[in-house]
Amino acid sequence: MPTVNYTLRLDETDKKTAELIFNQLGLTLSAGLNIYLKTVARQKKIPFVLDLNENADMPSTDINNTVNKEKSFKAIKGILTGHEINLENERTERILSK
């Protein structure tokens, strides 16, 4: 399957946080984003709820932060379900892109 390069602008803190999470899952940022995009294409929707009601997960501090991180991790696990990543191909792509 042919690949394309795409430039993405994002907040530096969000990028570093996502990289840390993906690395803990054994993935690169590129692999994590590819999983997300494949999930969107397969489900034909954003794979989580976008909501502004009072029950929505909003940025919080202190004690609620731990709860939100756990919810986020569960959401990532849900997104990853059903996806297999060929880590050897991912490794090769990283080497070739340098």
C-alpha atoms as a PDB file:
ATOM      1  CA  MET A   1       0.000   0.000   0.000  1.00  0.00           C
ATOM      2  CA  PRO A   2       1.502   3.379  -0.950  1.00  0.00           C
ATOM      3  CA  THR A   3       2.198   5.802   1.871  1.00  0.00           C
ATOM      4  CA  VAL A   4       2.149   9.594   1.995  1.00  0.00           C
ATOM      5  CA  ASN A   5       3.858  12.114   4.222  1.00  0.00           C
ATOM      6  CA  TYR A   6       1.662  14.539   6.127  1.00  0.00           C
ATOM      7  CA  THR A   7       2.738  17.503   8.249  1.00  0.00           C
ATOM      8  CA  LEU A   8       0.784  18.065  11.435  1.00  0.00           C
ATOM      9  CA  ARG A   9       0.888  21.045  13.790  1.00  0.00           C
ATOM     10  CA  LEU A  10       0.143  20.298  17.418  1.00  0.00           C
ATOM     11  CA  ASP A  11       0.855  21.527  20.895  1.00  0.00           C
ATOM     12  CA  GLU A  12       4.328  20.441  22.054  1.00  0.00           C
ATOM     13  CA  THR A  13       3.053  19.247  25.437  1.00  0.00           C
ATOM     14  CA  ASP A  14       0.282  17.171  23.821  1.00  0.00           C
ATOM     15  CA  LYS A  15       2.824  15.611  21.453  1.00  0.00           C
ATOM     16  CA  LYS A  16       5.218  14.698  24.263  1.00  0.00           C
ATOM     17  CA  THR A  17       2.385  13.285  26.383  1.00  0.00           C
ATOM     18  CA  ALA A  18       1.064  11.196  23.492  1.00  0.00           C
ATOM     19  CA  GLU A  19       4.581   9.934  22.711  1.00  0.00           C
ATOM     20  CA  LEU A  20       5.044   8.840  26.337  1.00  0.00           C
ATOM     21  CA  ILE A  21       1.742   6.963  26.328  1.00  0.00           C
ATOM     22  CA  PHE A  22       2.353   5.334  22.954  1.00  0.00           C
ATOM     23  CA  ASN A  23       5.886   4.357  24.007  1.00  0.00           C
ATOM     24  CA  GLN A  24       4.480   2.680  27.136  1.00  0.00           C
ATOM     25  CA  LEU A  25       2.195   0.732  24.794  1.00  0.00           C
ATOM     26  CA  GLY A  26       5.177  -0.252  22.628  1.00  0.00           C
ATOM     27  CA  LEU A  27       4.198   2.120  19.804  1.00  0.00           C
ATOM     28  CA  THR A  28       5.653   5.177  18.146  1.00  0.00           C
ATOM     29  CA  LEU A  29       3.668   8.362  17.752  1.00  0.00           C
ATOM     30  CA  SER A  30       3.368   7.556  14.048  1.00  0.00           C
ATOM     31  CA  ALA A  31       1.974   4.083  14.764  1.00  0.00           C
ATOM     32  CA  GLY A  32      -0.488   5.482  17.312  1.00  0.00           C
ATOM     33  CA  LEU A  33      -1.749   8.105  14.883  1.00  0.00           C
ATOM     34  CA  ASN A  34      -2.045   5.475  12.150  1.00  0.00           C
ATOM     35  CA  ILE A  35      -4.146   3.308  14.480  1.00  0.00           C
ATOM     36  CA  TYR A  36      -6.405   6.275  15.159  1.00  0.00           C
ATOM     37  CA  LEU A  37      -6.828   7.061  11.448  1.00  0.00           C
ATOM     38  CA  LYS A  38      -7.469   3.406  10.565  1.00  0.00           C
ATOM     39  CA  THR A  39     -10.104   3.257  13.310  1.00  0.00           C
ATOM     40  CA  VAL A  40     -11.816   6.383  11.937  1.00  0.00           C
ATOM     41  CA  ALA A  41     -11.790   4.875   8.430  1.00  0.00           C
ATOM     42  CA  ARG A  42     -13.042   1.466   9.613  1.00  0.00           C
ATOM     43  CA  GLN A  43     -15.802   2.808  11.892  1.00  0.00           C
ATOM     44  CA  LYS A  44     -16.579   5.826   9.701  1.00  0.00           C
ATOM     45  CA  LYS A  45     -16.731   8.004  12.806  1.00  0.00           C
ATOM     46  CA  ILE A  46     -14.526   9.477  15.502  1.00  0.00           C
ATOM     47  CA  PRO A  47     -13.962   6.532  17.879  1.00  0.00           C
ATOM     48  CA  PHE A  48     -14.904   8.412  21.040  1.00  0.00           C
ATOM     49  CA  VAL A  49     -17.640  10.770  22.158  1.00  0.00           C
ATOM     50  CA  LEU A  50     -17.176  14.501  21.610  1.00  0.00           C
ATOM     51  CA  ASP A  51     -19.427  16.080  24.176  1.00  0.00           C
ATOM     52  CA  LEU A  52     -19.849  19.426  25.917  1.00  0.00           C
ATOM     53  CA  ASN A  53     -22.423  18.365  28.492  1.00  0.00           C
ATOM     54  CA  GLU A  54     -21.655  18.434  32.213  1.00  0.00           C
ATOM     55  CA  ASN A  55     -20.699  14.728  32.219  1.00  0.00           C
ATOM     56  CA  ALA A  56     -17.990  15.200  29.593  1.00  0.00           C
ATOM     57  CA  ASP A  57     -14.347  14.698  30.533  1.00  0.00           C
ATOM     58  CA  MET A  58     -13.013  18.205  30.948  1.00  0.00           C
ATOM     59  CA  PRO A  59      -9.450  19.134  31.866  1.00  0.00           C
ATOM     60  CA  SER A  60      -9.154  19.046  35.604  1.00  0.00           C
ATOM     61  CA  THR A  61      -6.581  19.265  38.332  1.00  0.00           C
ATOM     62  CA  ASP A  62      -5.601  17.444  41.494  1.00  0.00           C
ATOM     63  CA  ILE A  63      -7.626  14.365  42.431  1.00  0.00           C
ATOM     64  CA  ASN A  64      -9.730  14.278  39.246  1.00  0.00           C
ATOM     65  CA  ASN A  65      -6.568  14.177  37.138  1.00  0.00           C
ATOM     66  CA  THR A  66      -5.865  10.548  38.094  1.00  0.00           C
ATOM     67  CA  VAL A  67      -9.409   9.530  37.172  1.00  0.00           C
ATOM     68  CA  ASN A  68      -9.158  11.323  33.812  1.00  0.00           C
ATOM     69  CA  LYS A  69      -5.815   9.667  33.028  1.00  0.00           C
ATOM     70  CA  GLU A  70      -7.327   6.252  33.747  1.00  0.00           C
ATOM     71  CA  LYS A  71     -10.311   7.032  31.497  1.00  0.00           C
ATOM     72  CA  SER A  72      -7.924   8.190  28.770  1.00  0.00           C
ATOM     73  CA  PHE A  73      -5.884   4.993  29.030  1.00  0.00           C
ATOM     74  CA  LYS A  74      -9.055   2.893  28.768  1.00  0.00           C
ATOM     75  CA  ALA A  75     -10.101   4.917  25.696  1.00  0.00           C
ATOM     76  CA  ILE A  76      -6.719   4.261  24.073  1.00  0.00           C
ATOM     77  CA  LYS A  77      -7.008   0.556  24.847  1.00  0.00           C
ATOM     78  CA  GLY A  78     -10.460   0.610  23.229  1.00  0.00           C
ATOM     79  CA  ILE A  79      -9.104   2.302  20.125  1.00  0.00           C
ATOM     80  CA  LEU A  80      -6.265  -0.218  19.906  1.00  0.00           C
ATOM     81  CA  THR A  81      -8.602  -3.213  20.126  1.00  0.00           C
ATOM     82  CA  GLY A  82      -8.664  -5.087  16.851  1.00  0.00           C
ATOM     83  CA  HIS A  83      -5.510  -3.474  15.477  1.00  0.00           C
ATOM     84  CA  GLU A  84      -2.244  -5.251  14.990  1.00  0.00           C
ATOM     85  CA  ILE A  85       0.909  -3.299  14.354  1.00  0.00           C
ATOM     86  CA  ASN A  86       3.856  -4.831  12.537  1.00  0.00           C
ATOM     87  CA  LEU A  87       6.622  -3.465  14.755  1.00  0.00           C
ATOM     88  CA  GLU A  88       9.323  -4.591  12.316  1.00  0.00           C
ATOM     89  CA  ASN A  89       7.747  -2.463   9.552  1.00  0.00           C
ATOM     90  CA  GLU A  90       7.350   0.414  12.015  1.00  0.00           C
ATOM     91  CA  ARG A  91      11.038   0.121  12.967  1.00  0.00           C
ATOM     92  CA  THR A  92      12.072   0.054   9.292  1.00  0.00           C
ATOM     93  CA  GLU A  93       9.941   3.117   8.526  1.00  0.00           C
ATOM     94  CA  ARG A  94      11.563   5.012  11.412  1.00  0.00           C
ATOM     95  CA  ILE A  95      15.053   4.157  10.157  1.00  0.00           C
ATOM     96  CA  LEU A  96      14.228   5.120   6.563  1.00  0.00           C
ATOM     97  CA  SER A  97      12.619   8.413   7.604  1.00  0.00           C
ATOM     98  CA  LYS A  98      15.794   9.629   9.387  1.00  0.00           C
END
